[in-house]
Amino acid sequence: MTRPVFVLTGDSITQDGGNASMTGWATLLQRDWLRSVDIINRGLSGYNTKWFIQYALPEVLEEMQTRFKPALITLWLGANDAALVDGSSKQQHIPLDEYSANLRHILTEYQRVAPSAKILLITPAVIDDDHRRRFQQLHEGFSEPLDRKNHVTVQYATACAEVGASISGIKVLDLHSVLTETYEEEARHRLLSDGLHFTPEGNQVLYELIKQAMTELLPAETVATWQFPDHKDIARWEAEKKST
C-alpha cells in the first residue's frame, strides 16, 4: 500500500506541535498513526502569511509535486498576522484584508498542486491578554504595549473562517470559537503557557480537536490501515497473499 502523507503548515504553534517535551499535538497524532501515516511538519515559528508565501510556499509546493503526494494538508496561520500594528511585534503585523487574500492564495495553490488532498484550515486561537501581559513583564521587562490582544485576533479568526467557507472543498476548524465557547477564562489560563502558545494540557486539547477534524475528512481506513502487518498477524497475512 502507499503510505498516506499529512502535511502540517503554519507558524510556531504548528512547529511546537512537534515538540515531544511539550506533548505537542502533532507528536500525539504521529503516536496514534505511526504505522499508517507519515506526518510532515512545516510549521515555521514567527511566520505570518506574507513571509510564508514569500519564503516557504514555493518550496512546500515543490515538495508536494516531487517528493510526496499529500492526502491531507493543514493550514494554520494568523497568530502573527494579528500582531498589533503599534505593539512590540509590529513587524509581524499584516492588515486584515491582506491576510484574507494571502490565505486564499495559499489555499488555492494547495488545491492546484494537490487536487486530491483534503485541506483543513484552522483559525487563530484565543489570546489571553492578562497572561500575555505577565509574560512580557517577566521575560521582556515591560508589560505595555502588548504585542497581541484577543479582540484583534478574533477579527483574524473570523476572516480566516470566512475565507475557508468561501472556497469549495475546504474544511474549517474555528479554533477561536471552540476555545472561547468551551473553556472559561480561568481554564484557558491552563491551556496557554504565555497567553499565546500552548501548554501540554493545551496541546492535548488541540490534538483531540484536530484529530477529530482530520478523521471527519478522510475514510476511516486511511488512518486505520497499517502499511505492514502486526507481528501477530504475519501468518494470516502470508496465507492471504498466497491465496490472491
C-alpha atoms as a PDB file:
ATOM      1  CA  MET A   1       0.000   0.000   0.000  1.00  0.00           C
ATOM      2  CA  THR A   2       1.017   3.617  -0.498  1.00  0.00           C
ATOM      3  CA  ARG A   3       1.514   5.271   2.847  1.00  0.00           C
ATOM      4  CA  PRO A   4      -0.630   8.437   3.204  1.00  0.00           C
ATOM      5  CA  VAL A   5       1.166  11.709   3.927  1.00  0.00           C
ATOM      6  CA  PHE A   6      -0.268  14.501   6.068  1.00  0.00           C
ATOM      7  CA  VAL A   7       1.472  17.891   5.713  1.00  0.00           C
ATOM      8  CA  LEU A   8       1.131  20.397   8.561  1.00  0.00           C
ATOM      9  CA  THR A   9       1.812  24.026   7.596  1.00  0.00           C
ATOM     10  CA  GLY A  10       1.685  27.022   9.885  1.00  0.00           C
ATOM     11  CA  ASP A  11       3.604  29.061  12.437  1.00  0.00           C
ATOM     12  CA  SER A  12       5.135  28.296  15.842  1.00  0.00           C
ATOM     13  CA  ILE A  13       2.014  26.560  17.125  1.00  0.00           C
ATOM     14  CA  THR A  14       2.408  24.021  14.341  1.00  0.00           C
ATOM     15  CA  GLN A  15       6.193  23.883  14.770  1.00  0.00           C
ATOM     16  CA  ASP A  16       5.773  23.345  18.519  1.00  0.00           C
ATOM     17  CA  GLY A  17       3.232  20.650  17.770  1.00  0.00           C
ATOM     18  CA  GLY A  18       6.283  18.511  17.054  1.00  0.00           C
ATOM     19  CA  ASN A  19       7.869  19.223  20.442  1.00  0.00           C
ATOM     20  CA  ALA A  20       7.686  15.988  22.407  1.00  0.00           C
ATOM     21  CA  SER A  21       8.753  17.703  25.646  1.00  0.00           C
ATOM     22  CA  MET A  22       5.562  19.785  25.483  1.00  0.00           C
ATOM     23  CA  THR A  23       3.422  16.808  24.453  1.00  0.00           C
ATOM     24  CA  GLY A  24       2.972  18.539  21.115  1.00  0.00           C
ATOM     25  CA  TRP A  25      -0.302  17.886  19.331  1.00  0.00           C
ATOM     26  CA  ALA A  26       1.454  16.676  16.175  1.00  0.00           C
ATOM     27  CA  THR A  27       3.541  14.187  18.153  1.00  0.00           C
ATOM     28  CA  LEU A  28       0.327  12.755  19.596  1.00  0.00           C
ATOM     29  CA  LEU A  29      -1.096  12.325  16.098  1.00  0.00           C
ATOM     30  CA  GLN A  30       2.110  10.620  14.976  1.00  0.00           C
ATOM     31  CA  ARG A  31       1.942   8.329  18.012  1.00  0.00           C
ATOM     32  CA  ASP A  32      -1.575   7.249  17.060  1.00  0.00           C
ATOM     33  CA  TRP A  33      -0.843   6.788  13.354  1.00  0.00           C
ATOM     34  CA  LEU A  34       2.812   5.754  13.396  1.00  0.00           C
ATOM     35  CA  ARG A  35       2.110   2.531  11.488  1.00  0.00           C
ATOM     36  CA  SER A  36      -0.241   4.058   8.933  1.00  0.00           C
ATOM     37  CA  VAL A  37       0.570   7.724   8.135  1.00  0.00           C
ATOM     38  CA  ASP A  38       3.651   9.893   7.597  1.00  0.00           C
ATOM     39  CA  ILE A  39       3.206  13.321   9.185  1.00  0.00           C
ATOM     40  CA  ILE A  40       5.430  16.074   7.802  1.00  0.00           C
ATOM     41  CA  ASN A  41       5.683  19.249   9.885  1.00  0.00           C
ATOM     42  CA  ARG A  42       6.312  22.515   8.065  1.00  0.00           C
ATOM     43  CA  GLY A  43       5.487  24.820  10.968  1.00  0.00           C
ATOM     44  CA  LEU A  44       7.636  27.968  10.951  1.00  0.00           C
ATOM     45  CA  SER A  45       7.938  29.952  14.157  1.00  0.00           C
ATOM     46  CA  GLY A  46       7.238  33.663  13.780  1.00  0.00           C
ATOM     47  CA  TYR A  47       5.908  33.470  10.240  1.00  0.00           C
ATOM     48  CA  ASN A  48       2.917  35.425   9.008  1.00  0.00           C
ATOM     49  CA  THR A  49       1.093  34.733   5.746  1.00  0.00           C
ATOM     50  CA  LYS A  50       3.255  37.173   3.772  1.00  0.00           C
ATOM     51  CA  TRP A  51       6.518  35.545   4.828  1.00  0.00           C
ATOM     52  CA  PHE A  52       5.060  32.089   4.322  1.00  0.00           C
ATOM     53  CA  ILE A  53       4.125  32.938   0.731  1.00  0.00           C
ATOM     54  CA  GLN A  54       7.463  34.621   0.069  1.00  0.00           C
ATOM     55  CA  TYR A  55       9.855  32.138   1.645  1.00  0.00           C
ATOM     56  CA  ALA A  56       8.116  28.820   2.304  1.00  0.00           C
ATOM     57  CA  LEU A  57       5.269  28.282  -0.129  1.00  0.00           C
ATOM     58  CA  PRO A  58       7.344  27.741  -3.302  1.00  0.00           C
ATOM     59  CA  GLU A  59       9.402  25.018  -1.618  1.00  0.00           C
ATOM     60  CA  VAL A  60       6.378  23.414   0.041  1.00  0.00           C
ATOM     61  CA  LEU A  61       4.569  23.288  -3.305  1.00  0.00           C
ATOM     62  CA  GLU A  62       7.663  21.798  -4.943  1.00  0.00           C
ATOM     63  CA  GLU A  63       7.791  19.109  -2.262  1.00  0.00           C
ATOM     64  CA  MET A  64       4.135  18.279  -2.821  1.00  0.00           C
ATOM     65  CA  GLN A  65       4.769  17.839  -6.526  1.00  0.00           C
ATOM     66  CA  THR A  66       8.046  15.923  -6.423  1.00  0.00           C
ATOM     67  CA  ARG A  67       8.654  14.337  -3.009  1.00  0.00           C
ATOM     68  CA  PHE A  68       5.260  13.241  -1.730  1.00  0.00           C
ATOM     69  CA  LYS A  69       1.580  13.328  -2.635  1.00  0.00           C
ATOM     70  CA  PRO A  70      -0.314  14.618   0.403  1.00  0.00           C
ATOM     71  CA  ALA A  71      -3.582  13.023   1.415  1.00  0.00           C
ATOM     72  CA  LEU A  72      -4.259  15.861   3.850  1.00  0.00           C
ATOM     73  CA  ILE A  73      -2.870  19.372   4.362  1.00  0.00           C
ATOM     74  CA  THR A  74      -3.412  21.667   7.326  1.00  0.00           C
ATOM     75  CA  LEU A  75      -3.018  25.443   7.143  1.00  0.00           C
ATOM     76  CA  TRP A  76      -2.834  27.341  10.425  1.00  0.00           C
ATOM     77  CA  LEU A  77      -1.595  30.921  10.142  1.00  0.00           C
ATOM     78  CA  GLY A  78      -2.781  34.185  11.644  1.00  0.00           C
ATOM     79  CA  ALA A  79      -1.452  34.460  15.181  1.00  0.00           C
ATOM     80  CA  ASN A  80       1.429  36.566  13.878  1.00  0.00           C
ATOM     81  CA  ASP A  81      -0.545  38.434  11.230  1.00  0.00           C
ATOM     82  CA  ALA A  82      -2.766  39.628  14.107  1.00  0.00           C
ATOM     83  CA  ALA A  83       0.156  41.192  15.985  1.00  0.00           C
ATOM     84  CA  LEU A  84      -0.791  44.761  16.880  1.00  0.00           C
ATOM     85  CA  VAL A  85       0.281  47.385  14.372  1.00  0.00           C
ATOM     86  CA  ASP A  86       1.574  49.560  17.232  1.00  0.00           C
ATOM     87  CA  GLY A  87       2.712  46.724  19.511  1.00  0.00           C
ATOM     88  CA  SER A  88       6.064  45.214  20.346  1.00  0.00           C
ATOM     89  CA  SER A  89       5.787  42.676  17.485  1.00  0.00           C
ATOM     90  CA  LYS A  90       4.543  45.150  14.889  1.00  0.00           C
ATOM     91  CA  GLN A  91       6.972  43.799  12.279  1.00  0.00           C
ATOM     92  CA  GLN A  92       4.779  40.684  12.078  1.00  0.00           C
ATOM     93  CA  HIS A  93       1.527  42.578  11.534  1.00  0.00           C
ATOM     94  CA  ILE A  94      -0.387  42.026   8.298  1.00  0.00           C
ATOM     95  CA  PRO A  95      -3.530  44.101   7.578  1.00  0.00           C
ATOM     96  CA  LEU A  96      -6.741  42.097   7.777  1.00  0.00           C
ATOM     97  CA  ASP A  97      -7.660  42.352   4.085  1.00  0.00           C
ATOM     98  CA  GLU A  98      -4.164  41.304   3.053  1.00  0.00           C
ATOM     99  CA  TYR A  99      -4.292  38.390   5.489  1.00  0.00           C
ATOM    100  CA  SER A 100      -7.519  37.142   3.905  1.00  0.00           C
ATOM    101  CA  ALA A 101      -6.082  37.486   0.408  1.00  0.00           C
ATOM    102  CA  ASN A 102      -2.920  35.649   1.430  1.00  0.00           C
ATOM    103  CA  LEU A 103      -4.872  32.756   2.932  1.00  0.00           C
ATOM    104  CA  ARG A 104      -6.937  32.487  -0.222  1.00  0.00           C
ATOM    105  CA  HIS A 105      -3.774  32.400  -2.335  1.00  0.00           C
ATOM    106  CA  ILE A 106      -2.175  29.660  -0.241  1.00  0.00           C
ATOM    107  CA  LEU A 107      -5.319  27.532  -0.241  1.00  0.00           C
ATOM    108  CA  THR A 108      -5.856  27.804  -3.987  1.00  0.00           C
ATOM    109  CA  GLU A 109      -2.216  26.903  -4.578  1.00  0.00           C
ATOM    110  CA  TYR A 110      -2.612  23.831  -2.381  1.00  0.00           C
ATOM    111  CA  GLN A 111      -5.675  22.816  -4.367  1.00  0.00           C
ATOM    112  CA  ARG A 112      -3.826  23.397  -7.633  1.00  0.00           C
ATOM    113  CA  VAL A 113      -0.807  21.202  -6.869  1.00  0.00           C
ATOM    114  CA  ALA A 114      -2.606  18.617  -4.700  1.00  0.00           C
ATOM    115  CA  PRO A 115      -6.156  18.403  -6.089  1.00  0.00           C
ATOM    116  CA  SER A 116      -6.925  15.119  -4.341  1.00  0.00           C
ATOM    117  CA  ALA A 117      -5.745  16.272  -0.899  1.00  0.00           C
ATOM    118  CA  LYS A 118      -8.168  17.137   1.864  1.00  0.00           C
ATOM    119  CA  ILE A 119      -7.459  20.566   3.344  1.00  0.00           C
ATOM    120  CA  LEU A 120      -8.079  21.615   6.940  1.00  0.00           C
ATOM    121  CA  LEU A 121      -7.929  25.345   7.661  1.00  0.00           C
ATOM    122  CA  ILE A 122      -7.514  26.237  11.341  1.00  0.00           C
ATOM    123  CA  THR A 123      -8.301  29.710  12.657  1.00  0.00           C
ATOM    124  CA  PRO A 124      -6.030  31.600  15.040  1.00  0.00           C
ATOM    125  CA  ALA A 125      -6.656  30.576  18.646  1.00  0.00           C
ATOM    126  CA  VAL A 126      -7.535  32.794  21.598  1.00  0.00           C
ATOM    127  CA  ILE A 127      -5.110  35.249  23.168  1.00  0.00           C
ATOM    128  CA  ASP A 128      -5.109  35.557  26.963  1.00  0.00           C
ATOM    129  CA  ASP A 129      -4.317  39.261  27.338  1.00  0.00           C
ATOM    130  CA  ASP A 130      -3.589  39.174  31.080  1.00  0.00           C
ATOM    131  CA  HIS A 131      -1.362  36.128  30.749  1.00  0.00           C
ATOM    132  CA  ARG A 132       0.438  37.709  27.812  1.00  0.00           C
ATOM    133  CA  ARG A 133       0.999  40.899  29.807  1.00  0.00           C
ATOM    134  CA  ARG A 134       2.507  38.994  32.745  1.00  0.00           C
ATOM    135  CA  PHE A 135       4.744  37.004  30.403  1.00  0.00           C
ATOM    136  CA  GLN A 136       6.048  40.145  28.732  1.00  0.00           C
ATOM    137  CA  GLN A 137       6.795  41.771  32.074  1.00  0.00           C
ATOM    138  CA  LEU A 138       8.623  38.703  33.357  1.00  0.00           C
ATOM    139  CA  HIS A 139      10.630  37.832  30.256  1.00  0.00           C
ATOM    140  CA  GLU A 140      10.987  41.108  28.376  1.00  0.00           C
ATOM    141  CA  GLY A 141      10.880  43.673  31.189  1.00  0.00           C
ATOM    142  CA  PHE A 142       7.784  45.560  30.065  1.00  0.00           C
ATOM    143  CA  SER A 143       4.048  44.919  30.137  1.00  0.00           C
ATOM    144  CA  GLU A 144       2.932  47.537  27.614  1.00  0.00           C
ATOM    145  CA  PRO A 145       2.467  47.785  24.757  1.00  0.00           C
ATOM    146  CA  LEU A 146       1.173  44.259  24.323  1.00  0.00           C
ATOM    147  CA  ASP A 147       2.146  42.522  21.112  1.00  0.00           C
ATOM    148  CA  ARG A 148      -1.276  40.909  20.690  1.00  0.00           C
ATOM    149  CA  LYS A 149      -4.795  41.303  22.050  1.00  0.00           C
ATOM    150  CA  ASN A 150      -7.694  38.927  21.782  1.00  0.00           C
ATOM    151  CA  HIS A 151     -10.191  41.496  20.481  1.00  0.00           C
ATOM    152  CA  VAL A 152      -7.948  41.918  17.421  1.00  0.00           C
ATOM    153  CA  THR A 153      -7.106  38.242  16.986  1.00  0.00           C
ATOM    154  CA  VAL A 154     -10.801  37.332  16.901  1.00  0.00           C
ATOM    155  CA  GLN A 155     -11.159  39.524  13.801  1.00  0.00           C
ATOM    156  CA  TYR A 156      -8.487  37.457  12.077  1.00  0.00           C
ATOM    157  CA  ALA A 157     -10.122  34.232  13.218  1.00  0.00           C
ATOM    158  CA  THR A 158     -13.436  35.388  11.759  1.00  0.00           C
ATOM    159  CA  ALA A 159     -11.772  36.377   8.491  1.00  0.00           C
ATOM    160  CA  CYS A 160      -9.992  33.023   8.333  1.00  0.00           C
ATOM    161  CA  ALA A 161     -13.251  31.116   8.783  1.00  0.00           C
ATOM    162  CA  GLU A 162     -14.918  33.255   6.121  1.00  0.00           C
ATOM    163  CA  VAL A 163     -12.150  32.579   3.606  1.00  0.00           C
ATOM    164  CA  GLY A 164     -12.398  28.846   4.221  1.00  0.00           C
ATOM    165  CA  ALA A 165     -16.180  28.864   3.878  1.00  0.00           C
ATOM    166  CA  SER A 166     -15.926  30.690   0.555  1.00  0.00           C
ATOM    167  CA  ILE A 167     -13.708  28.056  -1.103  1.00  0.00           C
ATOM    168  CA  SER A 168     -15.224  24.733  -2.085  1.00  0.00           C
ATOM    169  CA  GLY A 169     -13.579  21.714  -0.509  1.00  0.00           C
ATOM    170  CA  ILE A 170     -12.016  23.458   2.490  1.00  0.00           C
ATOM    171  CA  LYS A 171     -12.885  22.279   5.996  1.00  0.00           C
ATOM    172  CA  VAL A 172     -12.597  24.922   8.718  1.00  0.00           C
ATOM    173  CA  LEU A 173     -11.804  24.291  12.369  1.00  0.00           C
ATOM    174  CA  ASP A 174     -12.857  27.522  14.095  1.00  0.00           C
ATOM    175  CA  LEU A 175     -10.498  27.034  16.985  1.00  0.00           C
ATOM    176  CA  HIS A 176     -11.029  30.517  18.400  1.00  0.00           C
ATOM    177  CA  SER A 177     -14.771  29.953  18.760  1.00  0.00           C
ATOM    178  CA  VAL A 178     -14.369  26.448  20.159  1.00  0.00           C
ATOM    179  CA  LEU A 179     -11.915  27.525  22.853  1.00  0.00           C
ATOM    180  CA  THR A 180     -13.945  30.615  23.754  1.00  0.00           C
ATOM    181  CA  GLU A 181     -17.229  28.742  23.985  1.00  0.00           C
ATOM    182  CA  THR A 182     -15.896  25.615  25.688  1.00  0.00           C
ATOM    183  CA  TYR A 183     -13.459  26.990  28.263  1.00  0.00           C
ATOM    184  CA  GLU A 184     -13.935  29.713  30.848  1.00  0.00           C
ATOM    185  CA  GLU A 185     -11.176  32.284  31.216  1.00  0.00           C
ATOM    186  CA  GLU A 186      -9.593  30.518  34.193  1.00  0.00           C
ATOM    187  CA  ALA A 187      -9.494  27.235  32.282  1.00  0.00           C
ATOM    188  CA  ARG A 188      -7.876  28.945  29.300  1.00  0.00           C
ATOM    189  CA  HIS A 189      -5.056  30.072  31.621  1.00  0.00           C
ATOM    190  CA  ARG A 190      -4.101  26.403  31.935  1.00  0.00           C
ATOM    191  CA  LEU A 191      -4.098  25.864  28.176  1.00  0.00           C
ATOM    192  CA  LEU A 192      -1.710  28.700  27.300  1.00  0.00           C
ATOM    193  CA  SER A 193       1.875  28.936  28.524  1.00  0.00           C
ATOM    194  CA  ASP A 194       2.349  32.624  27.720  1.00  0.00           C
ATOM    195  CA  GLY A 195      -1.070  33.791  26.581  1.00  0.00           C
ATOM    196  CA  LEU A 196      -0.304  32.674  23.015  1.00  0.00           C
ATOM    197  CA  HIS A 197       1.421  29.283  22.885  1.00  0.00           C
ATOM    198  CA  PHE A 198       0.043  26.081  24.349  1.00  0.00           C
ATOM    199  CA  THR A 199       0.929  24.090  27.458  1.00  0.00           C
ATOM    200  CA  PRO A 200       0.977  20.284  27.441  1.00  0.00           C
ATOM    201  CA  GLU A 201      -2.658  20.406  28.609  1.00  0.00           C
ATOM    202  CA  GLY A 202      -3.444  22.795  25.779  1.00  0.00           C
ATOM    203  CA  ASN A 203      -1.682  20.554  23.275  1.00  0.00           C
ATOM    204  CA  GLN A 204      -3.878  17.684  24.422  1.00  0.00           C
ATOM    205  CA  VAL A 205      -6.949  19.786  23.617  1.00  0.00           C
ATOM    206  CA  LEU A 206      -5.521  20.727  20.209  1.00  0.00           C
ATOM    207  CA  TYR A 207      -4.736  17.100  19.465  1.00  0.00           C
ATOM    208  CA  GLU A 208      -8.282  15.986  20.223  1.00  0.00           C
ATOM    209  CA  LEU A 209      -9.887  18.760  18.163  1.00  0.00           C
ATOM    210  CA  ILE A 210      -7.553  18.441  15.189  1.00  0.00           C
ATOM    211  CA  LYS A 211      -7.695  14.649  15.182  1.00  0.00           C
ATOM    212  CA  GLN A 212     -11.489  14.759  15.148  1.00  0.00           C
ATOM    213  CA  ALA A 213     -11.479  17.224  12.245  1.00  0.00           C
ATOM    214  CA  MET A 214      -8.983  15.115  10.307  1.00  0.00           C
ATOM    215  CA  THR A 215     -10.903  11.885  10.766  1.00  0.00           C
ATOM    216  CA  GLU A 216     -14.079  13.604   9.560  1.00  0.00           C
ATOM    217  CA  LEU A 217     -12.274  14.479   6.324  1.00  0.00           C
ATOM    218  CA  LEU A 218     -10.891  11.045   5.472  1.00  0.00           C
ATOM    219  CA  PRO A 219     -12.193   7.493   5.149  1.00  0.00           C
ATOM    220  CA  ALA A 220     -11.576   5.531   8.340  1.00  0.00           C
ATOM    221  CA  GLU A 221      -9.244   3.106   6.588  1.00  0.00           C
ATOM    222  CA  THR A 222      -6.812   5.916   5.725  1.00  0.00           C
ATOM    223  CA  VAL A 223      -5.514   6.031   9.279  1.00  0.00           C
ATOM    224  CA  ALA A 224      -6.600   2.564  10.409  1.00  0.00           C
ATOM    225  CA  THR A 225      -4.785   0.517   7.764  1.00  0.00           C
ATOM    226  CA  TRP A 226      -1.221  -0.331   8.717  1.00  0.00           C
ATOM    227  CA  GLN A 227       1.411  -0.314   5.999  1.00  0.00           C
ATOM    228  CA  PHE A 228       2.907  -3.543   7.355  1.00  0.00           C
ATOM    229  CA  PRO A 229       1.134  -6.287   9.309  1.00  0.00           C
ATOM    230  CA  ASP A 230       1.244  -6.687  13.058  1.00  0.00           C
ATOM    231  CA  HIS A 231       3.728  -9.366  14.053  1.00  0.00           C
ATOM    232  CA  LYS A 232       0.866 -11.421  15.489  1.00  0.00           C
ATOM    233  CA  ASP A 233      -0.900 -11.425  12.112  1.00  0.00           C
ATOM    234  CA  ILE A 234       2.026 -12.374   9.862  1.00  0.00           C
ATOM    235  CA  ALA A 235       0.940 -15.994   9.367  1.00  0.00           C
ATOM    236  CA  ARG A 236      -2.573 -14.949   8.346  1.00  0.00           C
ATOM    237  CA  TRP A 237      -1.192 -12.165   6.140  1.00  0.00           C
ATOM    238  CA  GLU A 238       1.137 -14.582   4.309  1.00  0.00           C
ATOM    239  CA  ALA A 239      -1.716 -17.032   3.794  1.00  0.00           C
ATOM    240  CA  GLU A 240      -3.909 -14.302   2.341  1.00  0.00           C
ATOM    241  CA  LYS A 241      -1.110 -13.217  -0.031  1.00  0.00           C
ATOM    242  CA  LYS A 242      -0.694 -16.790  -1.308  1.00  0.00           C
ATOM    243  CA  SER A 243      -4.407 -17.104  -1.971  1.00  0.00           C
ATOM    244  CA  THR A 244      -4.573 -13.941  -4.094  1.00  0.00           C
END
